[in-house]
Amino acid sequence: MFLALAVLLAVEVVGSPLANSPPDVKDFNVVLSKELEFRIDDCKTGFVGRVIVYQNPDDQNEFVRAYYRQVAIVSERACKNNTADADGSNVNLSNFNYHKKDETETLGRVQKATDAFAYVQWRTIRDSRTGQDIRDGYFRSWLLEQNGNWTFGYGYNLETSPFSEPSKEYSGKRIVVGIKFSLAGAVHIVRIDQDDIPALAKPPNNIQDKEETNEEK
């Protein structure tokens, strides 16, 4: 009975007013900041937001990871970087550096207008055996639903997975266009529009290729 109660508490989804209020990180310190991105293909990367980890200055064992969405952009820096490395010419290196600078400036502009859509809060404690900081207790997570309400989960971490849809350009192929966040049945998707993606490389073993090969035979 006690075990069942403990499990129930660990996965409880709360609907109280407190649960609908994500943590206020306004006065917290930033300890980590990185792009929220995903790979579209070998050359293209979609930037859809930013992930920032905060630490409470008044309680340094308390941390919050916040996810922010932004105006999505697509970068082809991966292939430009490979071209510059392979060629080694000043022209290609200059093009890559210009593209990287342009990308940084674009990200800087769109990230000035970002909205938080998810939070994960946890505490740490010093492990006396290893001397390392480890998580103390359960996660507390919030996810903004499409209707504007917050779902709260005690004992849940956010689940993320690639979000794909049928390609408009190649029949029979699916293309990753975003990231799907899930929490206790609630879903939030950050994505790009296929129309904003530069021409995709033709996929190998595409259905269209097979049909053409059969016709040739």
N, C-alpha and C. Protein backbone atom coordinates (compact mmCIF):
# COMPACT_ATOMS: atom_id res chain seq x y z
N MET A 1 0.84 -1.21 0.00
CA MET A 1 0.00 0.00 0.00
C MET A 1 0.86 1.25 0.00
N PHE A 2 1.88 1.26 0.86
CA PHE A 2 2.76 2.43 0.92
C PHE A 2 3.53 2.60 -0.38
N LEU A 3 3.94 1.48 -0.98
CA LEU A 3 4.66 1.54 -2.25
C LEU A 3 3.78 2.10 -3.34
N ALA A 4 2.54 1.66 -3.38
CA ALA A 4 1.60 2.15 -4.40
C ALA A 4 1.36 3.64 -4.24
N LEU A 5 1.27 4.09 -2.98
CA LEU A 5 1.06 5.52 -2.72
C LEU A 5 2.27 6.33 -3.16
N ALA A 6 3.47 5.81 -2.92
CA ALA A 6 4.69 6.51 -3.32
C ALA A 6 4.78 6.64 -4.82
N VAL A 7 4.42 5.57 -5.55
CA VAL A 7 4.45 5.61 -7.01
C VAL A 7 3.43 6.61 -7.52
N LEU A 8 2.25 6.64 -6.92
CA LEU A 8 1.21 7.57 -7.33
C LEU A 8 1.66 9.01 -7.16
N LEU A 9 2.30 9.30 -6.04
CA LEU A 9 2.79 10.66 -5.79
C LEU A 9 3.88 11.04 -6.78
N ALA A 10 4.69 10.06 -7.18
CA ALA A 10 5.81 10.34 -8.07
C ALA A 10 5.36 10.75 -9.46
N VAL A 11 4.18 10.30 -9.88
CA VAL A 11 3.70 10.60 -11.24
C VAL A 11 2.47 11.48 -11.22
N GLU A 12 2.23 12.11 -10.10
CA GLU A 12 1.04 12.93 -9.96
C GLU A 12 1.08 14.13 -10.89
N VAL A 13 -0.02 14.38 -11.55
CA VAL A 13 -0.17 15.57 -12.37
C VAL A 13 -1.14 16.49 -11.66
N VAL A 14 -0.67 17.64 -11.27
CA VAL A 14 -1.43 18.52 -10.40
C VAL A 14 -2.12 19.61 -11.20
N GLY A 15 -3.32 19.95 -10.81
CA GLY A 15 -4.06 21.00 -11.51
C GLY A 15 -4.33 22.19 -10.64
N SER A 16 -3.63 22.34 -9.53
CA SER A 16 -3.85 23.46 -8.62
C SER A 16 -3.28 24.74 -9.21
N PRO A 17 -3.69 25.92 -8.71
CA PRO A 17 -3.14 27.18 -9.22
C PRO A 17 -1.62 27.24 -9.16
N LEU A 18 -1.03 26.66 -8.09
CA LEU A 18 0.42 26.67 -7.97
C LEU A 18 1.06 25.89 -9.11
N ALA A 19 0.44 24.76 -9.48
CA ALA A 19 0.99 23.93 -10.54
C ALA A 19 0.96 24.65 -11.89
N ASN A 20 0.00 25.55 -12.06
CA ASN A 20 -0.12 26.26 -13.33
C ASN A 20 0.81 27.46 -13.41
N SER A 21 1.65 27.65 -12.41
CA SER A 21 2.57 28.77 -12.39
C SER A 21 4.01 28.25 -12.45
N PRO A 22 4.65 28.32 -13.63
CA PRO A 22 6.05 27.88 -13.74
C PRO A 22 6.95 28.73 -12.86
N PRO A 23 8.15 28.25 -12.55
CA PRO A 23 9.06 29.00 -11.68
C PRO A 23 9.47 30.34 -12.29
N ASP A 24 9.63 31.31 -11.44
CA ASP A 24 10.08 32.64 -11.87
C ASP A 24 11.60 32.67 -11.83
N VAL A 25 12.23 32.76 -13.00
CA VAL A 25 13.70 32.71 -13.08
C VAL A 25 14.30 34.09 -13.36
N LYS A 26 13.51 35.12 -13.18
CA LYS A 26 13.94 36.48 -13.53
C LYS A 26 15.24 36.87 -12.85
N ASP A 27 15.39 36.50 -11.58
CA ASP A 27 16.58 36.89 -10.83
C ASP A 27 17.59 35.76 -10.69
N PHE A 28 17.40 34.68 -11.43
CA PHE A 28 18.32 33.55 -11.36
C PHE A 28 19.54 33.81 -12.24
N ASN A 29 20.62 33.09 -11.96
CA ASN A 29 21.85 33.20 -12.76
C ASN A 29 21.84 32.17 -13.88
N VAL A 30 22.32 32.58 -15.05
CA VAL A 30 22.43 31.67 -16.18
C VAL A 30 23.73 30.87 -16.05
N VAL A 31 23.60 29.53 -16.07
CA VAL A 31 24.80 28.69 -15.97
C VAL A 31 25.06 27.93 -17.28
N LEU A 32 24.07 27.89 -18.17
CA LEU A 32 24.25 27.24 -19.46
C LEU A 32 23.22 27.80 -20.44
N SER A 33 23.67 28.04 -21.66
CA SER A 33 22.77 28.54 -22.69
C SER A 33 23.18 27.94 -24.03
N LYS A 34 22.23 27.32 -24.73
CA LYS A 34 22.56 26.71 -26.02
C LYS A 34 21.35 26.77 -26.94
N GLU A 35 21.63 26.58 -28.25
CA GLU A 35 20.56 26.62 -29.23
C GLU A 35 19.66 25.39 -29.10
N LEU A 36 18.38 25.60 -29.35
CA LEU A 36 17.43 24.49 -29.49
C LEU A 36 17.35 24.21 -30.98
N GLU A 37 17.97 23.13 -31.41
CA GLU A 37 18.13 22.87 -32.84
C GLU A 37 17.93 21.41 -33.16
N PHE A 38 17.77 21.13 -34.44
CA PHE A 38 17.67 19.75 -34.91
C PHE A 38 18.21 19.69 -36.33
N ARG A 39 18.66 18.51 -36.74
CA ARG A 39 19.24 18.32 -38.06
C ARG A 39 18.15 17.93 -39.06
N ILE A 40 18.06 18.66 -40.16
CA ILE A 40 17.09 18.36 -41.21
C ILE A 40 17.67 17.33 -42.17
N ASP A 41 18.88 17.61 -42.62
CA ASP A 41 19.63 16.64 -43.44
C ASP A 41 21.11 16.88 -43.18
N ASP A 42 21.99 16.34 -44.02
CA ASP A 42 23.42 16.45 -43.77
C ASP A 42 23.91 17.89 -43.80
N CYS A 43 23.19 18.77 -44.49
CA CYS A 43 23.63 20.15 -44.63
C CYS A 43 22.84 21.14 -43.78
N LYS A 44 21.58 20.85 -43.55
CA LYS A 44 20.68 21.86 -42.99
C LYS A 44 20.32 21.57 -41.53
N THR A 45 20.31 22.65 -40.75
CA THR A 45 19.95 22.59 -39.34
C THR A 45 18.84 23.60 -39.08
N GLY A 46 17.83 23.15 -38.37
CA GLY A 46 16.74 24.04 -38.00
C GLY A 46 16.96 24.59 -36.60
N PHE A 47 16.90 25.91 -36.45
CA PHE A 47 17.01 26.55 -35.15
C PHE A 47 15.61 27.03 -34.76
N VAL A 48 15.09 26.51 -33.66
CA VAL A 48 13.71 26.82 -33.28
C VAL A 48 13.60 27.46 -31.90
N GLY A 49 14.73 27.66 -31.23
CA GLY A 49 14.65 28.28 -29.91
C GLY A 49 15.97 28.22 -29.16
N ARG A 50 15.85 28.29 -27.85
CA ARG A 50 17.03 28.28 -27.00
C ARG A 50 16.72 27.55 -25.71
N VAL A 51 17.74 26.88 -25.15
CA VAL A 51 17.62 26.18 -23.87
C VAL A 51 18.57 26.86 -22.89
N ILE A 52 18.04 27.29 -21.76
CA ILE A 52 18.85 27.99 -20.76
C ILE A 52 18.67 27.31 -19.40
N VAL A 53 19.78 27.03 -18.74
CA VAL A 53 19.75 26.46 -17.40
C VAL A 53 20.07 27.59 -16.42
N TYR A 54 19.21 27.75 -15.42
CA TYR A 54 19.35 28.79 -14.41
C TYR A 54 19.66 28.17 -13.04
N GLN A 55 20.35 28.96 -12.22
CA GLN A 55 20.62 28.56 -10.84
C GLN A 55 20.11 29.64 -9.90
N ASN A 56 19.46 29.22 -8.85
CA ASN A 56 18.92 30.15 -7.87
C ASN A 56 20.08 30.74 -7.04
N PRO A 57 20.30 32.04 -7.09
CA PRO A 57 21.42 32.63 -6.34
C PRO A 57 21.24 32.53 -4.82
N ASP A 58 19.98 32.38 -4.37
CA ASP A 58 19.71 32.29 -2.94
C ASP A 58 19.71 30.84 -2.44
N ASP A 59 19.70 29.91 -3.38
CA ASP A 59 19.73 28.48 -3.03
C ASP A 59 20.44 27.77 -4.18
N GLN A 60 21.74 27.65 -4.07
CA GLN A 60 22.54 27.17 -5.19
C GLN A 60 22.35 25.69 -5.49
N ASN A 61 21.49 25.02 -4.76
CA ASN A 61 21.13 23.64 -5.07
C ASN A 61 19.87 23.54 -5.92
N GLU A 62 19.30 24.68 -6.28
CA GLU A 62 18.07 24.70 -7.08
C GLU A 62 18.40 25.14 -8.51
N PHE A 63 17.92 24.35 -9.48
CA PHE A 63 18.16 24.65 -10.88
C PHE A 63 16.85 24.58 -11.67
N VAL A 64 16.80 25.37 -12.73
CA VAL A 64 15.66 25.35 -13.64
C VAL A 64 16.18 25.37 -15.07
N ARG A 65 15.68 24.44 -15.88
CA ARG A 65 16.00 24.44 -17.32
C ARG A 65 14.77 24.95 -18.05
N ALA A 66 14.94 26.04 -18.79
CA ALA A 66 13.82 26.66 -19.50
C ALA A 66 14.02 26.53 -21.01
N TYR A 67 12.92 26.28 -21.71
CA TYR A 67 12.94 26.15 -23.17
C TYR A 67 12.17 27.33 -23.77
N TYR A 68 12.82 28.01 -24.71
CA TYR A 68 12.22 29.17 -25.34
C TYR A 68 12.07 28.91 -26.84
N ARG A 69 10.95 29.32 -27.39
CA ARG A 69 10.76 29.21 -28.83
C ARG A 69 11.03 30.55 -29.48
N GLN A 70 11.39 30.52 -30.76
CA GLN A 70 11.73 31.73 -31.49
C GLN A 70 11.21 31.59 -32.92
N VAL A 71 11.36 32.66 -33.69
CA VAL A 71 11.09 32.57 -35.12
C VAL A 71 12.11 31.59 -35.71
N ALA A 72 11.62 30.52 -36.32
CA ALA A 72 12.51 29.46 -36.79
C ALA A 72 13.32 29.90 -38.01
N ILE A 73 14.58 29.49 -38.05
CA ILE A 73 15.42 29.74 -39.21
C ILE A 73 16.15 28.45 -39.58
N VAL A 74 16.58 28.37 -40.83
CA VAL A 74 17.31 27.20 -41.32
C VAL A 74 18.71 27.63 -41.74
N SER A 75 19.71 26.90 -41.28
CA SER A 75 21.10 27.20 -41.61
C SER A 75 21.70 26.04 -42.41
N GLU A 76 22.56 26.39 -43.38
CA GLU A 76 23.29 25.39 -44.15
C GLU A 76 24.77 25.43 -43.81
N ARG A 77 25.09 25.91 -42.60
CA ARG A 77 26.48 26.08 -42.22
C ARG A 77 27.26 24.77 -42.23
N ALA A 78 26.58 23.65 -41.91
CA ALA A 78 27.30 22.36 -41.84
C ALA A 78 28.02 22.05 -43.14
N CYS A 79 27.35 22.22 -44.28
CA CYS A 79 27.98 21.91 -45.56
C CYS A 79 28.98 22.99 -45.96
N LYS A 80 28.68 24.23 -45.62
CA LYS A 80 29.62 25.30 -45.94
C LYS A 80 30.90 25.11 -45.16
N ASN A 81 30.78 24.62 -43.91
CA ASN A 81 31.95 24.34 -43.09
C ASN A 81 32.79 23.24 -43.72
N ASN A 82 32.13 22.16 -44.18
CA ASN A 82 32.85 21.05 -44.81
C ASN A 82 33.55 21.50 -46.08
N THR A 83 32.88 22.37 -46.85
CA THR A 83 33.47 22.86 -48.09
C THR A 83 34.73 23.68 -47.80
N ALA A 84 34.64 24.51 -46.78
CA ALA A 84 35.80 25.34 -46.42
C ALA A 84 36.96 24.48 -45.94
N ASP A 85 36.63 23.44 -45.15
CA ASP A 85 37.68 22.57 -44.63
C ASP A 85 38.34 21.77 -45.75
N ALA A 86 37.51 21.27 -46.68
CA ALA A 86 38.03 20.41 -47.74
C ALA A 86 38.85 21.19 -48.75
N ASP A 87 38.37 22.37 -49.10
CA ASP A 87 39.04 23.16 -50.14
C ASP A 87 40.25 23.89 -49.57
N GLY A 88 40.06 24.49 -48.40
CA GLY A 88 41.15 25.21 -47.76
C GLY A 88 41.44 26.56 -48.38
N SER A 89 40.63 26.99 -49.36
CA SER A 89 40.89 28.26 -50.02
C SER A 89 40.38 29.42 -49.18
N ASN A 90 41.01 30.56 -49.39
CA ASN A 90 40.59 31.74 -48.65
C ASN A 90 39.18 32.16 -49.02
N VAL A 91 38.80 31.91 -50.29
CA VAL A 91 37.46 32.31 -50.75
C VAL A 91 36.40 31.53 -50.00
N ASN A 92 36.55 30.18 -49.96
CA ASN A 92 35.56 29.36 -49.28
C ASN A 92 35.54 29.64 -47.78
N LEU A 93 36.71 29.86 -47.19
CA LEU A 93 36.77 30.16 -45.77
C LEU A 93 36.10 31.49 -45.48
N SER A 94 36.31 32.44 -46.37
CA SER A 94 35.68 33.75 -46.21
C SER A 94 34.17 33.64 -46.32
N ASN A 95 33.69 32.82 -47.28
CA ASN A 95 32.25 32.63 -47.45
C ASN A 95 31.64 31.99 -46.20
N PHE A 96 32.37 31.00 -45.65
CA PHE A 96 31.88 30.33 -44.45
C PHE A 96 31.81 31.30 -43.27
N ASN A 97 32.86 32.09 -43.08
CA ASN A 97 32.88 33.04 -41.97
C ASN A 97 31.78 34.08 -42.11
N TYR A 98 31.52 34.51 -43.37
CA TYR A 98 30.45 35.48 -43.61
C TYR A 98 29.11 34.85 -43.26
N HIS A 99 28.91 33.59 -43.71
CA HIS A 99 27.65 32.90 -43.46
C HIS A 99 27.44 32.71 -41.95
N LYS A 100 28.51 32.35 -41.25
CA LYS A 100 28.42 32.14 -39.81
C LYS A 100 28.07 33.45 -39.10
N LYS A 101 28.69 34.54 -39.54
CA LYS A 101 28.41 35.86 -38.95
C LYS A 101 26.95 36.25 -39.21
N ASP A 102 26.49 36.01 -40.44
CA ASP A 102 25.11 36.33 -40.79
C ASP A 102 24.14 35.50 -39.96
N GLU A 103 24.46 34.22 -39.78
CA GLU A 103 23.62 33.33 -38.98
C GLU A 103 23.56 33.82 -37.54
N THR A 104 24.71 34.19 -36.97
CA THR A 104 24.75 34.67 -35.59
C THR A 104 23.91 35.93 -35.42
N GLU A 105 24.02 36.85 -36.38
CA GLU A 105 23.24 38.08 -36.31
C GLU A 105 21.74 37.80 -36.42
N THR A 106 21.38 36.87 -37.30
CA THR A 106 19.97 36.51 -37.46
C THR A 106 19.42 35.89 -36.18
N LEU A 107 20.19 34.96 -35.59
CA LEU A 107 19.76 34.35 -34.34
C LEU A 107 19.62 35.40 -33.24
N GLY A 108 20.55 36.34 -33.21
CA GLY A 108 20.48 37.39 -32.21
C GLY A 108 19.21 38.20 -32.32
N ARG A 109 18.78 38.47 -33.57
CA ARG A 109 17.56 39.25 -33.78
C ARG A 109 16.33 38.47 -33.35
N VAL A 110 16.20 37.22 -33.81
CA VAL A 110 14.97 36.48 -33.53
C VAL A 110 14.88 36.06 -32.07
N GLN A 111 16.02 35.92 -31.39
CA GLN A 111 15.99 35.48 -30.01
C GLN A 111 15.68 36.61 -29.04
N LYS A 112 15.55 37.84 -29.55
CA LYS A 112 15.14 38.93 -28.69
C LYS A 112 13.65 38.85 -28.40
N ALA A 113 12.92 38.12 -29.23
CA ALA A 113 11.48 37.95 -29.04
C ALA A 113 11.18 36.47 -28.91
N THR A 114 11.42 35.92 -27.73
CA THR A 114 11.21 34.50 -27.50
C THR A 114 10.21 34.29 -26.38
N ASP A 115 9.53 33.17 -26.41
CA ASP A 115 8.55 32.84 -25.39
C ASP A 115 8.91 31.49 -24.79
N ALA A 116 8.83 31.40 -23.46
CA ALA A 116 9.10 30.14 -22.78
C ALA A 116 7.88 29.22 -22.93
N PHE A 117 8.15 27.94 -23.24
CA PHE A 117 7.05 26.99 -23.38
C PHE A 117 7.24 25.75 -22.51
N ALA A 118 8.37 25.64 -21.83
CA ALA A 118 8.60 24.48 -20.96
C ALA A 118 9.64 24.81 -19.91
N TYR A 119 9.46 24.19 -18.75
CA TYR A 119 10.41 24.34 -17.64
C TYR A 119 10.60 22.98 -16.97
N VAL A 120 11.82 22.75 -16.49
CA VAL A 120 12.12 21.59 -15.65
C VAL A 120 12.91 22.10 -14.45
N GLN A 121 12.43 21.78 -13.26
CA GLN A 121 13.05 22.25 -12.02
C GLN A 121 13.56 21.05 -11.22
N TRP A 122 14.73 21.18 -10.63
CA TRP A 122 15.26 20.11 -9.79
C TRP A 122 16.22 20.68 -8.76
N ARG A 123 16.56 19.83 -7.80
CA ARG A 123 17.51 20.20 -6.77
C ARG A 123 18.67 19.21 -6.79
N THR A 124 19.79 19.64 -6.27
CA THR A 124 20.96 18.76 -6.19
C THR A 124 21.42 18.63 -4.74
N ILE A 125 22.19 17.58 -4.51
CA ILE A 125 22.78 17.35 -3.21
C ILE A 125 24.17 16.75 -3.43
N ARG A 126 25.08 17.01 -2.54
CA ARG A 126 26.44 16.49 -2.67
C ARG A 126 26.48 15.03 -2.20
N ASP A 127 26.94 14.16 -3.10
CA ASP A 127 27.11 12.75 -2.77
C ASP A 127 28.37 12.60 -1.92
N SER A 128 28.20 12.19 -0.68
CA SER A 128 29.34 12.08 0.23
C SER A 128 30.34 11.02 -0.21
N ARG A 129 29.87 10.06 -0.98
CA ARG A 129 30.76 8.97 -1.40
C ARG A 129 31.66 9.40 -2.55
N THR A 130 31.07 10.09 -3.55
CA THR A 130 31.82 10.47 -4.74
C THR A 130 32.26 11.92 -4.74
N GLY A 131 31.62 12.74 -3.90
CA GLY A 131 31.94 14.17 -3.90
C GLY A 131 31.32 14.93 -5.04
N GLN A 132 30.45 14.25 -5.82
CA GLN A 132 29.80 14.88 -6.97
C GLN A 132 28.38 15.33 -6.59
N ASP A 133 27.89 16.35 -7.30
CA ASP A 133 26.51 16.78 -7.11
C ASP A 133 25.58 15.85 -7.87
N ILE A 134 24.54 15.38 -7.21
CA ILE A 134 23.56 14.52 -7.85
C ILE A 134 22.17 15.09 -7.61
N ARG A 135 21.21 14.67 -8.42
CA ARG A 135 19.85 15.16 -8.27
C ARG A 135 19.25 14.66 -6.96
N ASP A 136 18.54 15.55 -6.28
CA ASP A 136 17.92 15.23 -5.00
C ASP A 136 16.40 15.30 -5.17
N GLY A 137 15.73 14.16 -5.14
CA GLY A 137 14.28 14.14 -5.27
C GLY A 137 13.83 14.07 -6.72
N TYR A 138 12.57 14.42 -6.94
CA TYR A 138 11.96 14.29 -8.26
C TYR A 138 12.05 15.58 -9.07
N PHE A 139 11.92 15.42 -10.40
CA PHE A 139 11.78 16.57 -11.27
C PHE A 139 10.39 17.20 -11.07
N ARG A 140 10.33 18.49 -11.32
CA ARG A 140 9.05 19.21 -11.43
C ARG A 140 9.07 19.85 -12.82
N SER A 141 8.08 19.53 -13.63
CA SER A 141 8.10 19.96 -15.03
C SER A 141 6.80 20.66 -15.41
N TRP A 142 6.94 21.64 -16.30
CA TRP A 142 5.80 22.37 -16.83
C TRP A 142 5.89 22.39 -18.36
N LEU A 143 4.76 22.22 -19.01
CA LEU A 143 4.72 22.29 -20.48
C LEU A 143 3.49 23.08 -20.90
N LEU A 144 3.71 24.04 -21.77
CA LEU A 144 2.62 24.89 -22.26
C LEU A 144 1.86 24.15 -23.36
N GLU A 145 0.57 23.96 -23.16
CA GLU A 145 -0.26 23.32 -24.17
C GLU A 145 -0.66 24.33 -25.23
N GLN A 146 -1.18 23.81 -26.35
CA GLN A 146 -1.57 24.68 -27.46
C GLN A 146 -2.71 25.63 -27.07
N ASN A 147 -3.51 25.24 -26.06
CA ASN A 147 -4.63 26.10 -25.62
C ASN A 147 -4.18 27.18 -24.64
N GLY A 148 -2.89 27.22 -24.34
CA GLY A 148 -2.37 28.27 -23.47
C GLY A 148 -2.30 27.89 -22.00
N ASN A 149 -2.76 26.69 -21.64
CA ASN A 149 -2.69 26.23 -20.26
C ASN A 149 -1.38 25.47 -20.02
N TRP A 150 -0.93 25.52 -18.77
CA TRP A 150 0.28 24.80 -18.39
C TRP A 150 -0.09 23.45 -17.79
N THR A 151 0.59 22.41 -18.25
CA THR A 151 0.49 21.09 -17.62
C THR A 151 1.69 20.92 -16.70
N PHE A 152 1.42 20.46 -15.48
CA PHE A 152 2.47 20.28 -14.49
C PHE A 152 2.61 18.80 -14.17
N GLY A 153 3.86 18.33 -14.08
CA GLY A 153 4.10 16.95 -13.72
C GLY A 153 5.14 16.86 -12.63
N TYR A 154 4.78 16.19 -11.52
CA TYR A 154 5.74 15.96 -10.43
C TYR A 154 6.29 14.54 -10.57
N GLY A 155 7.58 14.44 -10.78
CA GLY A 155 8.17 13.14 -11.02
C GLY A 155 8.40 12.85 -12.48
N TYR A 156 8.04 13.80 -13.33
CA TYR A 156 8.24 13.65 -14.77
C TYR A 156 9.36 14.57 -15.26
N ASN A 157 10.16 14.06 -16.17
CA ASN A 157 11.03 14.92 -16.97
C ASN A 157 10.35 15.08 -18.32
N LEU A 158 10.69 16.10 -19.07
CA LEU A 158 10.12 16.27 -20.40
C LEU A 158 10.62 15.17 -21.33
N GLU A 159 9.75 14.70 -22.20
CA GLU A 159 10.16 13.77 -23.24
C GLU A 159 10.24 14.52 -24.56
N THR A 160 11.30 14.29 -25.31
CA THR A 160 11.45 14.94 -26.61
C THR A 160 11.65 13.88 -27.69
N SER A 161 11.16 14.18 -28.89
CA SER A 161 11.32 13.28 -30.02
C SER A 161 11.26 14.10 -31.30
N PRO A 162 11.89 13.62 -32.39
CA PRO A 162 11.80 14.34 -33.66
C PRO A 162 10.36 14.37 -34.16
N PHE A 163 9.98 15.48 -34.75
CA PHE A 163 8.64 15.60 -35.34
C PHE A 163 8.80 15.66 -36.85
N SER A 164 8.17 14.73 -37.55
CA SER A 164 8.32 14.66 -39.01
C SER A 164 6.96 14.67 -39.69
N GLU A 165 6.98 14.93 -40.98
CA GLU A 165 5.77 14.92 -41.80
C GLU A 165 6.14 14.54 -43.22
N PRO A 166 5.17 14.12 -44.04
CA PRO A 166 5.48 13.75 -45.43
C PRO A 166 6.11 14.91 -46.19
N SER A 167 7.13 14.60 -46.95
CA SER A 167 7.82 15.62 -47.74
C SER A 167 6.92 16.10 -48.88
N LYS A 168 6.90 17.42 -49.09
CA LYS A 168 6.16 17.98 -50.21
C LYS A 168 6.91 17.77 -51.52
N GLU A 169 8.23 17.54 -51.41
CA GLU A 169 9.08 17.49 -52.59
C GLU A 169 9.28 16.09 -53.12
N TYR A 170 9.36 15.11 -52.20
CA TYR A 170 9.64 13.73 -52.61
C TYR A 170 8.58 12.79 -52.06
N SER A 171 7.83 12.18 -52.94
CA SER A 171 6.78 11.25 -52.54
C SER A 171 7.37 10.05 -51.81
N GLY A 172 6.72 9.65 -50.73
CA GLY A 172 7.16 8.49 -49.98
C GLY A 172 8.25 8.78 -48.96
N LYS A 173 8.68 10.03 -48.86
CA LYS A 173 9.74 10.38 -47.89
C LYS A 173 9.15 11.27 -46.80
N ARG A 174 9.57 11.05 -45.58
CA ARG A 174 9.21 11.92 -44.47
C ARG A 174 10.40 12.80 -44.14
N ILE A 175 10.12 14.00 -43.69
CA ILE A 175 11.18 14.95 -43.38
C ILE A 175 10.98 15.48 -41.96
N VAL A 176 12.07 15.56 -41.21
CA VAL A 176 12.02 16.09 -39.85
C VAL A 176 11.89 17.61 -39.93
N VAL A 177 10.84 18.14 -39.31
CA VAL A 177 10.60 19.58 -39.37
C VAL A 177 10.54 20.23 -37.99
N GLY A 178 10.77 19.44 -36.93
CA GLY A 178 10.71 20.06 -35.61
C GLY A 178 10.98 19.08 -34.49
N ILE A 179 10.66 19.53 -33.29
CA ILE A 179 10.86 18.73 -32.08
C ILE A 179 9.53 18.68 -31.33
N LYS A 180 9.16 17.49 -30.91
CA LYS A 180 7.93 17.28 -30.15
C LYS A 180 8.27 17.11 -28.68
N PHE A 181 7.64 17.92 -27.82
CA PHE A 181 7.81 17.84 -26.38
C PHE A 181 6.53 17.25 -25.78
N SER A 182 6.70 16.29 -24.86
CA SER A 182 5.55 15.63 -24.24
C SER A 182 5.71 15.62 -22.73
N LEU A 183 4.58 15.79 -22.05
CA LEU A 183 4.57 15.73 -20.59
C LEU A 183 3.19 15.30 -20.12
N ALA A 184 3.11 14.10 -19.58
CA ALA A 184 1.86 13.61 -18.98
C ALA A 184 0.66 13.78 -19.90
N GLY A 185 0.84 13.45 -21.17
CA GLY A 185 -0.26 13.54 -22.13
C GLY A 185 -0.35 14.86 -22.87
N ALA A 186 0.30 15.90 -22.37
CA ALA A 186 0.31 17.19 -23.04
C ALA A 186 1.43 17.20 -24.09
N VAL A 187 1.20 17.94 -25.17
CA VAL A 187 2.16 17.99 -26.28
C VAL A 187 2.38 19.43 -26.70
N HIS A 188 3.63 19.76 -27.00
CA HIS A 188 3.97 21.06 -27.57
C HIS A 188 5.02 20.82 -28.66
N ILE A 189 4.80 21.37 -29.84
CA ILE A 189 5.70 21.15 -30.97
C ILE A 189 6.30 22.47 -31.42
N VAL A 190 7.62 22.50 -31.52
CA VAL A 190 8.31 23.65 -32.12
C VAL A 190 8.85 23.18 -33.47
N ARG A 191 8.61 23.95 -34.52
CA ARG A 191 8.89 23.45 -35.85
C ARG A 191 9.19 24.57 -36.84
N ILE A 192 9.61 24.14 -38.01
CA ILE A 192 9.78 25.04 -39.14
C ILE A 192 8.77 24.65 -40.21
N ASP A 193 8.58 25.53 -41.17
CA ASP A 193 7.69 25.25 -42.31
C ASP A 193 8.54 24.70 -43.45
N GLN A 194 8.06 23.66 -44.10
CA GLN A 194 8.81 23.07 -45.22
C GLN A 194 9.11 24.10 -46.30
N ASP A 195 8.21 25.04 -46.49
CA ASP A 195 8.42 26.04 -47.54
C ASP A 195 9.61 26.95 -47.25
N ASP A 196 10.06 26.96 -46.00
CA ASP A 196 11.21 27.79 -45.62
C ASP A 196 12.53 27.04 -45.71
N ILE A 197 12.47 25.76 -46.10
CA ILE A 197 13.68 24.95 -46.20
C ILE A 197 14.22 25.02 -47.62
N PRO A 198 15.50 25.39 -47.81
CA PRO A 198 16.09 25.35 -49.16
C PRO A 198 15.98 23.94 -49.74
N ALA A 199 16.14 23.83 -51.05
CA ALA A 199 15.96 22.56 -51.74
C ALA A 199 16.70 21.43 -51.04
N LEU A 200 15.99 20.35 -50.79
CA LEU A 200 16.58 19.20 -50.12
C LEU A 200 17.30 18.31 -51.10
N ALA A 201 18.35 17.65 -50.61
CA ALA A 201 19.06 16.69 -51.45
C ALA A 201 18.14 15.52 -51.76
N LYS A 202 18.22 15.00 -52.99
CA LYS A 202 17.36 13.90 -53.38
C LYS A 202 17.72 12.67 -52.57
N PRO A 203 16.75 12.04 -51.89
CA PRO A 203 17.06 10.91 -51.02
C PRO A 203 17.44 9.67 -51.81
N PRO A 204 18.38 8.86 -51.31
CA PRO A 204 18.72 7.62 -51.97
C PRO A 204 17.60 6.62 -51.84
N ASN A 205 17.51 5.70 -52.84
CA ASN A 205 16.49 4.65 -52.82
C ASN A 205 15.09 5.22 -52.69
N ASN A 206 14.88 6.39 -53.27
CA ASN A 206 13.57 7.00 -53.25
C ASN A 206 12.61 6.18 -54.10
N ILE A 207 11.34 6.24 -53.73
CA ILE A 207 10.33 5.48 -54.48
C ILE A 207 10.35 5.87 -55.95
N GLN A 208 10.54 7.19 -56.21
CA GLN A 208 10.57 7.66 -57.59
C GLN A 208 11.74 7.03 -58.34
N ASP A 209 12.91 6.88 -57.68
CA ASP A 209 14.06 6.26 -58.30
C ASP A 209 13.77 4.82 -58.68
N LYS A 210 13.06 4.11 -57.78
CA LYS A 210 12.74 2.72 -58.04
C LYS A 210 11.83 2.58 -59.23
N GLU A 211 10.85 3.52 -59.34
CA GLU A 211 9.92 3.47 -60.45
C GLU A 211 10.66 3.72 -61.76
N GLU A 212 11.60 4.70 -61.76
CA GLU A 212 12.35 5.00 -62.98
C GLU A 212 13.20 3.79 -63.38
N THR A 213 13.81 3.11 -62.40
CA THR A 213 14.66 1.96 -62.69
C THR A 213 13.82 0.84 -63.30
N ASN A 214 12.62 0.61 -62.77
CA ASN A 214 11.76 -0.43 -63.31
C ASN A 214 11.33 -0.14 -64.74
N GLU A 215 11.08 1.15 -65.03
CA GLU A 215 10.68 1.53 -66.39
C GLU A 215 11.82 1.30 -67.37
N GLU A 216 13.05 1.56 -66.94
CA GLU A 216 14.20 1.36 -67.82
C GLU A 216 14.39 -0.10 -68.17
N LYS A 217 14.07 -0.97 -67.20
CA LYS A 217 14.21 -2.41 -67.45
C LYS A 217 13.15 -2.88 -68.44
